């Protein structure tokens, strides 16, 4: 792979301490972390993640993805993921660039530079690919524009456009291209995912969600699991657990109230599901997170 140094140095300049930084360039976020972290739930929106230093693990259902400077991660739909930094130190912090996948620019590029039809299949919502020198060069130029804000307004859209073009032309191209096609399997499942995310506290009737996706019940199950690595009901459970954890840790709700607010009538069922996903009962896990243990 090409020299990662300029990319790493540019990220370090503009992420001077631990945290996530929304940059002056729209759709560009910088991330720095000086220690390994516990697995934490997060929603991966349609994005691409490039790593300049360190290593991260993302778990989607039973699928595990490791990405580092040699590999980038593409999320083509909004997914509930458990993410953790697994390689980082104060001397060599984890440094990452996260870019939103702009649907309008992707659609324009997909139309202008068509590729052979690979069949209408539902691909995994998380995909890893090997970093290439041209893609690294474009990412480095994009981050380096933060050094010259007067240039960024004119040149950042060009660098972003080049990155999206190279993603479309790369090994994840078919998955990204499917994002621009409403009638693709990926697009159909994306519609269902949006509905579930908006209604996860409600009863999830599979026939209704399959109708929203425009599929039969059996086809919907098959393609939904291909994209998300879990069933629709488990996907809803993951969303409920993430929100209940936030309600307890950030808003101070007790476990029973948090469970009720995310759609559980049975506190015992809520506790069982929570313990299965996070490894601790809800109240104990929330207390641990509030105390920073």
C-alpha atoms as a PDB file:
ATOM      1  CA  UNK A   1       0.000   0.000   0.000  1.00  0.00           C
ATOM      2  CA  UNK A   2       1.103   3.600  -0.551  1.00  0.00           C
ATOM      3  CA  UNK A   3       2.597   5.641   2.281  1.00  0.00           C
ATOM      4  CA  UNK A   4      -0.078   6.167   4.942  1.00  0.00           C
ATOM      5  CA  UNK A   5       1.981   8.880   6.689  1.00  0.00           C
ATOM      6  CA  UNK A   6       0.504  12.015   5.067  1.00  0.00           C
ATOM      7  CA  UNK A   7      -3.052  10.736   5.656  1.00  0.00           C
ATOM      8  CA  UNK A   8      -2.276   9.869   9.290  1.00  0.00           C
ATOM      9  CA  UNK A   9      -0.575  13.209   9.922  1.00  0.00           C
ATOM     10  CA  UNK A  10      -3.440  15.212   8.408  1.00  0.00           C
ATOM     11  CA  UNK A  11      -5.983  13.383  10.555  1.00  0.00           C
ATOM     12  CA  UNK A  12      -3.866  13.871  13.684  1.00  0.00           C
ATOM     13  CA  UNK A  13      -3.631  17.628  13.054  1.00  0.00           C
ATOM     14  CA  UNK A  14      -7.394  18.052  12.880  1.00  0.00           C
ATOM     15  CA  UNK A  15      -8.323  15.504  15.577  1.00  0.00           C
ATOM     16  CA  UNK A  16      -5.916  16.721  18.285  1.00  0.00           C
ATOM     17  CA  UNK A  17      -7.552  14.839  21.161  1.00  0.00           C
ATOM     18  CA  UNK A  18      -9.889  11.897  21.658  1.00  0.00           C
ATOM     19  CA  UNK A  19     -13.400  12.226  20.274  1.00  0.00           C
ATOM     20  CA  UNK A  20     -15.412  12.602  17.090  1.00  0.00           C
ATOM     21  CA  UNK A  21     -15.036  15.831  15.138  1.00  0.00           C
ATOM     22  CA  UNK A  22     -17.489  17.136  12.561  1.00  0.00           C
ATOM     23  CA  UNK A  23     -15.204  18.948  10.150  1.00  0.00           C
ATOM     24  CA  UNK A  24     -15.740  22.135   8.170  1.00  0.00           C
ATOM     25  CA  UNK A  25     -16.337  19.916   5.112  1.00  0.00           C
ATOM     26  CA  UNK A  26     -19.908  18.642   4.954  1.00  0.00           C
ATOM     27  CA  UNK A  27     -20.237  14.891   5.379  1.00  0.00           C
ATOM     28  CA  UNK A  28     -16.707  14.495   6.766  1.00  0.00           C
ATOM     29  CA  UNK A  29     -16.044  13.332  10.347  1.00  0.00           C
ATOM     30  CA  UNK A  30     -12.700  12.658  12.022  1.00  0.00           C
ATOM     31  CA  UNK A  31     -12.288  10.205  14.911  1.00  0.00           C
ATOM     32  CA  UNK A  32      -9.446   9.766  17.399  1.00  0.00           C
ATOM     33  CA  UNK A  33      -9.139   7.314  20.289  1.00  0.00           C
ATOM     34  CA  UNK A  34      -6.063   6.714  22.460  1.00  0.00           C
ATOM     35  CA  UNK A  35      -7.148   3.490  24.180  1.00  0.00           C
ATOM     36  CA  UNK A  36      -8.983   0.308  23.205  1.00  0.00           C
ATOM     37  CA  UNK A  37     -12.691   0.545  23.971  1.00  0.00           C
ATOM     38  CA  UNK A  38     -15.456  -1.761  25.115  1.00  0.00           C
ATOM     39  CA  UNK A  39     -17.960  -2.819  22.430  1.00  0.00           C
ATOM     40  CA  UNK A  40     -20.584  -0.085  22.214  1.00  0.00           C
ATOM     41  CA  UNK A  41     -23.794  -0.020  20.183  1.00  0.00           C
ATOM     42  CA  UNK A  42     -24.017   2.483  17.354  1.00  0.00           C
ATOM     43  CA  UNK A  43     -26.070   2.957  14.202  1.00  0.00           C
ATOM     44  CA  UNK A  44     -23.852   2.871  11.113  1.00  0.00           C
ATOM     45  CA  UNK A  45     -25.541   5.125   8.580  1.00  0.00           C
ATOM     46  CA  UNK A  46     -24.546   4.812   4.892  1.00  0.00           C
ATOM     47  CA  UNK A  47     -20.875   5.701   5.199  1.00  0.00           C
ATOM     48  CA  UNK A  48     -17.353   4.673   4.301  1.00  0.00           C
ATOM     49  CA  UNK A  49     -14.707   4.472   7.038  1.00  0.00           C
ATOM     50  CA  UNK A  50     -10.982   4.826   6.311  1.00  0.00           C
ATOM     51  CA  UNK A  51      -8.449   4.098   9.061  1.00  0.00           C
ATOM     52  CA  UNK A  52      -5.098   5.912   9.172  1.00  0.00           C
ATOM     53  CA  UNK A  53      -3.797   4.237  12.332  1.00  0.00           C
ATOM     54  CA  UNK A  54      -4.992   1.509  14.715  1.00  0.00           C
ATOM     55  CA  UNK A  55      -7.692  -1.089  14.259  1.00  0.00           C
ATOM     56  CA  UNK A  56     -11.415  -1.370  14.875  1.00  0.00           C
ATOM     57  CA  UNK A  57     -13.930  -4.209  15.104  1.00  0.00           C
ATOM     58  CA  UNK A  58     -17.577  -3.987  14.069  1.00  0.00           C
ATOM     59  CA  UNK A  59     -20.019  -6.782  14.915  1.00  0.00           C
ATOM     60  CA  UNK A  60     -23.271  -7.103  12.994  1.00  0.00           C
ATOM     61  CA  UNK A  61     -25.342 -10.013  14.246  1.00  0.00           C
ATOM     62  CA  UNK A  62     -22.910 -12.913  14.196  1.00  0.00           C
ATOM     63  CA  UNK A  63     -20.661 -11.351  11.527  1.00  0.00           C
ATOM     64  CA  UNK A  64     -17.416  -9.675  12.626  1.00  0.00           C
ATOM     65  CA  UNK A  65     -15.472  -7.109  10.572  1.00  0.00           C
ATOM     66  CA  UNK A  66     -11.955  -5.840  11.332  1.00  0.00           C
ATOM     67  CA  UNK A  67     -10.736  -2.751   9.528  1.00  0.00           C
ATOM     68  CA  UNK A  68      -7.389  -0.978   9.613  1.00  0.00           C
ATOM     69  CA  UNK A  69      -5.195   1.157   7.320  1.00  0.00           C
ATOM     70  CA  UNK A  70      -5.146  -1.624   4.732  1.00  0.00           C
ATOM     71  CA  UNK A  71      -8.942  -2.077   4.637  1.00  0.00           C
ATOM     72  CA  UNK A  72     -11.927   0.250   4.501  1.00  0.00           C
ATOM     73  CA  UNK A  73     -15.482  -0.458   5.621  1.00  0.00           C
ATOM     74  CA  UNK A  74     -18.616   0.443   3.672  1.00  0.00           C
ATOM     75  CA  UNK A  75     -22.039   0.587   5.335  1.00  0.00           C
ATOM     76  CA  UNK A  76     -24.691   0.716   2.623  1.00  0.00           C
ATOM     77  CA  UNK A  77     -27.774   0.877   4.903  1.00  0.00           C
ATOM     78  CA  UNK A  78     -28.438   2.062   8.464  1.00  0.00           C
ATOM     79  CA  UNK A  79     -27.476  -0.835  10.738  1.00  0.00           C
ATOM     80  CA  UNK A  80     -27.246  -1.382  14.526  1.00  0.00           C
ATOM     81  CA  UNK A  81     -23.638  -2.414  15.075  1.00  0.00           C
ATOM     82  CA  UNK A  82     -21.461  -3.138  18.111  1.00  0.00           C
ATOM     83  CA  UNK A  83     -18.224  -1.234  17.538  1.00  0.00           C
ATOM     84  CA  UNK A  84     -14.952  -1.253  19.467  1.00  0.00           C
ATOM     85  CA  UNK A  85     -11.450   0.103  18.930  1.00  0.00           C
ATOM     86  CA  UNK A  86      -9.123  -2.867  19.447  1.00  0.00           C
ATOM     87  CA  UNK A  87      -5.727  -1.319  18.668  1.00  0.00           C
ATOM     88  CA  UNK A  88      -4.818   2.130  20.007  1.00  0.00           C
ATOM     89  CA  UNK A  89      -2.419   3.824  22.428  1.00  0.00           C
ATOM     90  CA  UNK A  90      -1.461   7.355  23.423  1.00  0.00           C
ATOM     91  CA  UNK A  91       1.647   7.117  21.271  1.00  0.00           C
ATOM     92  CA  UNK A  92      -0.258   5.598  18.350  1.00  0.00           C
ATOM     93  CA  UNK A  93      -3.948   6.550  18.646  1.00  0.00           C
ATOM     94  CA  UNK A  94      -6.693   5.146  16.482  1.00  0.00           C
ATOM     95  CA  UNK A  95      -7.345   7.677  13.689  1.00  0.00           C
ATOM     96  CA  UNK A  96     -10.240   7.363  11.279  1.00  0.00           C
ATOM     97  CA  UNK A  97     -12.003   9.319   8.554  1.00  0.00           C
ATOM     98  CA  UNK A  98     -15.753   8.754   8.142  1.00  0.00           C
ATOM     99  CA  UNK A  99     -17.518   9.994   5.004  1.00  0.00           C
ATOM    100  CA  UNK A 100     -21.247  10.108   4.366  1.00  0.00           C
ATOM    101  CA  UNK A 101     -22.242   8.372   1.139  1.00  0.00           C
ATOM    102  CA  UNK A 102     -24.148  11.135  -0.615  1.00  0.00           C
ATOM    103  CA  UNK A 103     -27.005   9.473  -2.557  1.00  0.00           C
ATOM    104  CA  UNK A 104     -27.435  12.220  -5.155  1.00  0.00           C
ATOM    105  CA  UNK A 105     -23.767  12.260  -6.160  1.00  0.00           C
ATOM    106  CA  UNK A 106     -23.659   8.450  -6.170  1.00  0.00           C
ATOM    107  CA  UNK A 107     -26.745   8.297  -8.383  1.00  0.00           C
ATOM    108  CA  UNK A 108     -25.229  10.797 -10.827  1.00  0.00           C
ATOM    109  CA  UNK A 109     -21.956   8.882 -11.014  1.00  0.00           C
ATOM    110  CA  UNK A 110     -23.716   5.527 -11.330  1.00  0.00           C
ATOM    111  CA  UNK A 111     -25.670   6.814 -14.327  1.00  0.00           C
ATOM    112  CA  UNK A 112     -22.672   8.447 -15.961  1.00  0.00           C
ATOM    113  CA  UNK A 113     -20.361   5.462 -15.455  1.00  0.00           C
ATOM    114  CA  UNK A 114     -22.499   2.322 -15.700  1.00  0.00           C
ATOM    115  CA  UNK A 115     -21.132  -1.117 -14.943  1.00  0.00           C
ATOM    116  CA  UNK A 116     -22.215  -4.555 -16.237  1.00  0.00           C
ATOM    117  CA  UNK A 117     -25.327  -5.854 -14.486  1.00  0.00           C
ATOM    118  CA  UNK A 118     -24.321  -8.283 -11.724  1.00  0.00           C
ATOM    119  CA  UNK A 119     -27.867  -9.409 -10.921  1.00  0.00           C
ATOM    120  CA  UNK A 120     -30.409  -8.093  -8.460  1.00  0.00           C
ATOM    121  CA  UNK A 121     -29.205  -9.648  -5.214  1.00  0.00           C
ATOM    122  CA  UNK A 122     -29.171  -8.406  -1.639  1.00  0.00           C
ATOM    123  CA  UNK A 123     -25.571  -7.922  -0.524  1.00  0.00           C
ATOM    124  CA  UNK A 124     -24.384  -7.564   3.078  1.00  0.00           C
ATOM    125  CA  UNK A 125     -24.993  -4.109   4.518  1.00  0.00           C
ATOM    126  CA  UNK A 126     -21.414  -4.017   5.830  1.00  0.00           C
ATOM    127  CA  UNK A 127     -18.591  -4.739   3.375  1.00  0.00           C
ATOM    128  CA  UNK A 128     -14.805  -4.688   3.684  1.00  0.00           C
ATOM    129  CA  UNK A 129     -12.419  -3.916   0.842  1.00  0.00           C
ATOM    130  CA  UNK A 130      -8.705  -3.379   0.417  1.00  0.00           C
ATOM    131  CA  UNK A 131      -7.431   0.194   0.388  1.00  0.00           C
ATOM    132  CA  UNK A 132      -5.823   1.274  -2.895  1.00  0.00           C
ATOM    133  CA  UNK A 133      -3.193   3.971  -3.582  1.00  0.00           C
ATOM    134  CA  UNK A 134      -5.576   6.142  -5.683  1.00  0.00           C
ATOM    135  CA  UNK A 135      -8.274   5.981  -2.986  1.00  0.00           C
ATOM    136  CA  UNK A 136      -5.755   6.770  -0.250  1.00  0.00           C
ATOM    137  CA  UNK A 137      -4.432   9.697  -2.271  1.00  0.00           C
ATOM    138  CA  UNK A 138      -7.923  11.151  -2.718  1.00  0.00           C
ATOM    139  CA  UNK A 139      -8.723  10.715   1.000  1.00  0.00           C
ATOM    140  CA  UNK A 140      -5.441  12.396   1.951  1.00  0.00           C
ATOM    141  CA  UNK A 141      -6.124  15.353  -0.315  1.00  0.00           C
ATOM    142  CA  UNK A 142      -9.615  15.712   1.161  1.00  0.00           C
ATOM    143  CA  UNK A 143      -8.423  15.826   4.778  1.00  0.00           C
ATOM    144  CA  UNK A 144      -5.472  18.078   3.864  1.00  0.00           C
ATOM    145  CA  UNK A 145      -7.937  20.679   2.567  1.00  0.00           C
ATOM    146  CA  UNK A 146      -8.802  21.352   6.220  1.00  0.00           C
ATOM    147  CA  UNK A 147      -5.390  23.082   6.364  1.00  0.00           C
ATOM    148  CA  UNK A 148      -6.535  25.594   3.749  1.00  0.00           C
ATOM    149  CA  UNK A 149     -10.195  26.462   4.418  1.00  0.00           C
ATOM    150  CA  UNK A 150     -10.284  28.999   1.600  1.00  0.00           C
ATOM    151  CA  UNK A 151      -9.574  26.192  -0.880  1.00  0.00           C
ATOM    152  CA  UNK A 152     -11.918  23.667   0.675  1.00  0.00           C
ATOM    153  CA  UNK A 153     -15.155  25.175  -0.643  1.00  0.00           C
ATOM    154  CA  UNK A 154     -13.948  24.781  -4.236  1.00  0.00           C
ATOM    155  CA  UNK A 155     -11.847  21.621  -4.025  1.00  0.00           C
ATOM    156  CA  UNK A 156     -13.480  19.431  -1.348  1.00  0.00           C
ATOM    157  CA  UNK A 157     -16.471  18.524  -3.561  1.00  0.00           C
ATOM    158  CA  UNK A 158     -14.023  17.379  -6.256  1.00  0.00           C
ATOM    159  CA  UNK A 159     -12.079  15.192  -3.824  1.00  0.00           C
ATOM    160  CA  UNK A 160     -15.335  13.756  -2.417  1.00  0.00           C
ATOM    161  CA  UNK A 161     -16.568  13.055  -5.932  1.00  0.00           C
ATOM    162  CA  UNK A 162     -13.323  11.255  -6.776  1.00  0.00           C
ATOM    163  CA  UNK A 163     -13.608   9.112  -3.648  1.00  0.00           C
ATOM    164  CA  UNK A 164     -17.192   8.146  -4.488  1.00  0.00           C
ATOM    165  CA  UNK A 165     -16.184   7.362  -8.074  1.00  0.00           C
ATOM    166  CA  UNK A 166     -13.354   5.098  -6.909  1.00  0.00           C
ATOM    167  CA  UNK A 167     -15.686   3.354  -4.462  1.00  0.00           C
ATOM    168  CA  UNK A 168     -18.163   2.701  -7.278  1.00  0.00           C
ATOM    169  CA  UNK A 169     -15.348   1.357  -9.464  1.00  0.00           C
ATOM    170  CA  UNK A 170     -13.925  -0.786  -6.661  1.00  0.00           C
ATOM    171  CA  UNK A 171     -14.861  -4.171  -5.159  1.00  0.00           C
ATOM    172  CA  UNK A 172     -17.774  -2.647  -3.175  1.00  0.00           C
ATOM    173  CA  UNK A 173     -19.107  -0.940  -6.299  1.00  0.00           C
ATOM    174  CA  UNK A 174     -22.077  -3.239  -6.874  1.00  0.00           C
ATOM    175  CA  UNK A 175     -23.270  -2.791  -3.285  1.00  0.00           C
ATOM    176  CA  UNK A 176     -22.894   0.994  -3.421  1.00  0.00           C
ATOM    177  CA  UNK A 177     -24.482   1.183  -6.865  1.00  0.00           C
ATOM    178  CA  UNK A 178     -27.517  -0.723  -5.552  1.00  0.00           C
ATOM    179  CA  UNK A 179     -28.044   2.084  -3.021  1.00  0.00           C
ATOM    180  CA  UNK A 180     -29.011   4.354  -5.905  1.00  0.00           C
ATOM    181  CA  UNK A 181     -31.662   1.991  -7.299  1.00  0.00           C
ATOM    182  CA  UNK A 182     -34.981   2.012  -5.460  1.00  0.00           C
ATOM    183  CA  UNK A 183     -36.094  -1.213  -7.151  1.00  0.00           C
ATOM    184  CA  UNK A 184     -32.942  -3.173  -6.268  1.00  0.00           C
ATOM    185  CA  UNK A 185     -33.036  -5.778  -3.496  1.00  0.00           C
ATOM    186  CA  UNK A 186     -30.776  -3.455  -1.520  1.00  0.00           C
ATOM    187  CA  UNK A 187     -33.206  -0.573  -2.048  1.00  0.00           C
ATOM    188  CA  UNK A 188     -36.203  -2.689  -1.072  1.00  0.00           C
ATOM    189  CA  UNK A 189     -34.558  -3.838   2.153  1.00  0.00           C
ATOM    190  CA  UNK A 190     -33.412  -0.263   2.854  1.00  0.00           C
ATOM    191  CA  UNK A 191     -37.074   0.842   2.773  1.00  0.00           C
ATOM    192  CA  UNK A 192     -37.970  -1.860   5.293  1.00  0.00           C
ATOM    193  CA  UNK A 193     -35.035  -0.895   7.522  1.00  0.00           C
ATOM    194  CA  UNK A 194     -36.160   2.738   7.555  1.00  0.00           C
ATOM    195  CA  UNK A 195     -39.677   1.662   8.534  1.00  0.00           C
ATOM    196  CA  UNK A 196     -38.458  -0.568  11.356  1.00  0.00           C
ATOM    197  CA  UNK A 197     -36.140   2.145  12.641  1.00  0.00           C
ATOM    198  CA  UNK A 198     -39.052   4.598  12.741  1.00  0.00           C
ATOM    199  CA  UNK A 199     -41.424   2.108  14.407  1.00  0.00           C
ATOM    200  CA  UNK A 200     -39.195  -0.135  16.525  1.00  0.00           C
ATOM    201  CA  UNK A 201     -41.243   0.458  19.692  1.00  0.00           C
ATOM    202  CA  UNK A 202     -44.339  -0.940  17.973  1.00  0.00           C
ATOM    203  CA  UNK A 203     -45.455  -4.469  17.135  1.00  0.00           C
ATOM    204  CA  UNK A 204     -43.516  -5.630  14.066  1.00  0.00           C
ATOM    205  CA  UNK A 205     -45.848  -7.514  11.720  1.00  0.00           C
ATOM    206  CA  UNK A 206     -43.634  -9.245   9.196  1.00  0.00           C
ATOM    207  CA  UNK A 207     -46.309  -9.299   6.488  1.00  0.00           C
ATOM    208  CA  UNK A 208     -46.656  -5.521   6.748  1.00  0.00           C
ATOM    209  CA  UNK A 209     -42.898  -4.882   6.568  1.00  0.00           C
ATOM    210  CA  UNK A 210     -42.571  -7.326   3.647  1.00  0.00           C
ATOM    211  CA  UNK A 211     -45.306  -5.381   1.853  1.00  0.00           C
ATOM    212  CA  UNK A 212     -43.379  -2.135   2.416  1.00  0.00           C
ATOM    213  CA  UNK A 213     -40.323  -3.820   0.902  1.00  0.00           C
ATOM    214  CA  UNK A 214     -42.404  -5.088  -2.021  1.00  0.00           C
ATOM    215  CA  UNK A 215     -41.556  -8.755  -1.385  1.00  0.00           C
ATOM    216  CA  UNK A 216     -43.209 -11.959  -0.358  1.00  0.00           C
ATOM    217  CA  UNK A 217     -42.783 -12.933   3.291  1.00  0.00           C
ATOM    218  CA  UNK A 218     -40.279 -15.705   2.544  1.00  0.00           C
ATOM    219  CA  UNK A 219     -38.252 -13.601   0.086  1.00  0.00           C
ATOM    220  CA  UNK A 220     -38.199 -10.710   2.527  1.00  0.00           C
ATOM    221  CA  UNK A 221     -36.819 -12.888   5.334  1.00  0.00           C
ATOM    222  CA  UNK A 222     -34.094 -14.235   3.066  1.00  0.00           C
ATOM    223  CA  UNK A 223     -32.954 -10.886   1.689  1.00  0.00           C
ATOM    224  CA  UNK A 224     -33.285  -9.020   4.989  1.00  0.00           C
ATOM    225  CA  UNK A 225     -30.944 -11.481   6.676  1.00  0.00           C
ATOM    226  CA  UNK A 226     -28.510 -11.284   3.737  1.00  0.00           C
ATOM    227  CA  UNK A 227     -28.223  -7.507   4.232  1.00  0.00           C
ATOM    228  CA  UNK A 228     -28.375  -7.206   8.032  1.00  0.00           C
ATOM    229  CA  UNK A 229     -27.061 -10.620   9.210  1.00  0.00           C
ATOM    230  CA  UNK A 230     -30.149 -10.946  11.439  1.00  0.00           C
ATOM    231  CA  UNK A 231     -33.897 -11.472  11.261  1.00  0.00           C
ATOM    232  CA  UNK A 232     -36.284  -8.480  11.189  1.00  0.00           C
ATOM    233  CA  UNK A 233     -37.345  -9.196  14.787  1.00  0.00           C
ATOM    234  CA  UNK A 234     -33.737  -9.418  16.005  1.00  0.00           C
ATOM    235  CA  UNK A 235     -32.995  -6.167  14.128  1.00  0.00           C
ATOM    236  CA  UNK A 236     -35.862  -4.515  16.023  1.00  0.00           C
ATOM    237  CA  UNK A 237     -34.566  -5.972  19.301  1.00  0.00           C
ATOM    238  CA  UNK A 238     -31.111  -4.501  18.654  1.00  0.00           C
ATOM    239  CA  UNK A 239     -32.677  -1.058  18.101  1.00  0.00           C
ATOM    240  CA  UNK A 240     -34.735  -1.399  21.273  1.00  0.00           C
ATOM    241  CA  UNK A 241     -31.693  -2.352  23.313  1.00  0.00           C
ATOM    242  CA  UNK A 242     -29.629   0.560  22.008  1.00  0.00           C
ATOM    243  CA  UNK A 243     -32.377   3.059  22.819  1.00  0.00           C
ATOM    244  CA  UNK A 244     -33.118   1.583  26.253  1.00  0.00           C
ATOM    245  CA  UNK A 245     -29.426   1.780  27.138  1.00  0.00           C
ATOM    246  CA  UNK A 246     -29.362   5.441  26.115  1.00  0.00           C
ATOM    247  CA  UNK A 247     -32.486   6.164  28.174  1.00  0.00           C
ATOM    248  CA  UNK A 248     -30.958   4.616  31.295  1.00  0.00           C
ATOM    249  CA  UNK A 249     -27.457   6.076  30.937  1.00  0.00           C
ATOM    250  CA  UNK A 250     -28.191   9.536  29.503  1.00  0.00           C
ATOM    251  CA  UNK A 251     -31.724  10.235  30.757  1.00  0.00           C
ATOM    252  CA  UNK A 252     -31.528   8.375  34.067  1.00  0.00           C
ATOM    253  CA  UNK A 253     -34.580   6.163  33.558  1.00  0.00           C
ATOM    254  CA  UNK A 254     -34.907   2.985  35.591  1.00  0.00           C
ATOM    255  CA  UNK A 255     -34.807  -0.351  33.780  1.00  0.00           C
ATOM    256  CA  UNK A 256     -38.545  -1.029  33.919  1.00  0.00           C
ATOM    257  CA  UNK A 257     -39.447   2.393  32.515  1.00  0.00           C
ATOM    258  CA  UNK A 258     -36.784   2.210  29.805  1.00  0.00           C
ATOM    259  CA  UNK A 259     -38.029  -1.225  28.754  1.00  0.00           C
ATOM    260  CA  UNK A 260     -41.622  -0.009  28.611  1.00  0.00           C
ATOM    261  CA  UNK A 261     -40.621   3.054  26.574  1.00  0.00           C
ATOM    262  CA  UNK A 262     -39.024   0.897  23.883  1.00  0.00           C
ATOM    263  CA  UNK A 263     -41.997  -1.448  23.568  1.00  0.00           C
ATOM    264  CA  UNK A 264     -41.709  -4.136  26.257  1.00  0.00           C
ATOM    265  CA  UNK A 265     -44.756  -5.041  28.330  1.00  0.00           C
ATOM    266  CA  UNK A 266     -42.802  -7.675  30.253  1.00  0.00           C
ATOM    267  CA  UNK A 267     -39.869  -6.436  32.415  1.00  0.00           C
ATOM    268  CA  UNK A 268     -38.517  -9.980  32.665  1.00  0.00           C
ATOM    269  CA  UNK A 269     -38.440 -10.386  28.868  1.00  0.00           C
ATOM    270  CA  UNK A 270     -36.731  -7.020  28.545  1.00  0.00           C
ATOM    271  CA  UNK A 271     -34.119  -8.056  31.102  1.00  0.00           C
ATOM    272  CA  UNK A 272     -33.491 -11.363  29.312  1.00  0.00           C
ATOM    273  CA  UNK A 273     -33.047  -9.708  25.918  1.00  0.00           C
ATOM    274  CA  UNK A 274     -30.842  -6.973  27.367  1.00  0.00           C
ATOM    275  CA  UNK A 275     -28.597  -9.444  29.209  1.00  0.00           C
ATOM    276  CA  UNK A 276     -28.270 -11.584  26.083  1.00  0.00           C
ATOM    277  CA  UNK A 277     -27.063  -8.652  23.988  1.00  0.00           C
ATOM    278  CA  UNK A 278     -25.004  -6.632  26.472  1.00  0.00           C
ATOM    279  CA  UNK A 279     -23.897  -9.393  28.836  1.00  0.00           C
ATOM    280  CA  UNK A 280     -25.274  -7.770  32.023  1.00  0.00           C
ATOM    281  CA  UNK A 281     -28.756  -7.042  33.434  1.00  0.00           C
ATOM    282  CA  UNK A 282     -29.994  -3.574  32.432  1.00  0.00           C
ATOM    283  CA  UNK A 283     -29.623  -1.771  35.769  1.00  0.00           C
ATOM    284  CA  UNK A 284     -26.157  -3.215  36.386  1.00  0.00           C
ATOM    285  CA  UNK A 285     -24.950  -2.364  32.881  1.00  0.00           C
ATOM    286  CA  UNK A 286     -26.308   1.204  33.086  1.00  0.00           C
ATOM    287  CA  UNK A 287     -24.641   1.743  36.461  1.00  0.00           C
ATOM    288  CA  UNK A 288     -21.326   0.463  35.096  1.00  0.00           C
ATOM    289  CA  UNK A 289     -21.504   2.838  32.126  1.00  0.00           C
ATOM    290  CA  UNK A 290     -22.476   5.845  34.260  1.00  0.00           C
ATOM    291  CA  UNK A 291     -19.524   5.206  36.580  1.00  0.00           C
ATOM    292  CA  UNK A 292     -17.187   4.611  33.653  1.00  0.00           C
ATOM    293  CA  UNK A 293     -16.135   1.143  34.840  1.00  0.00           C
END
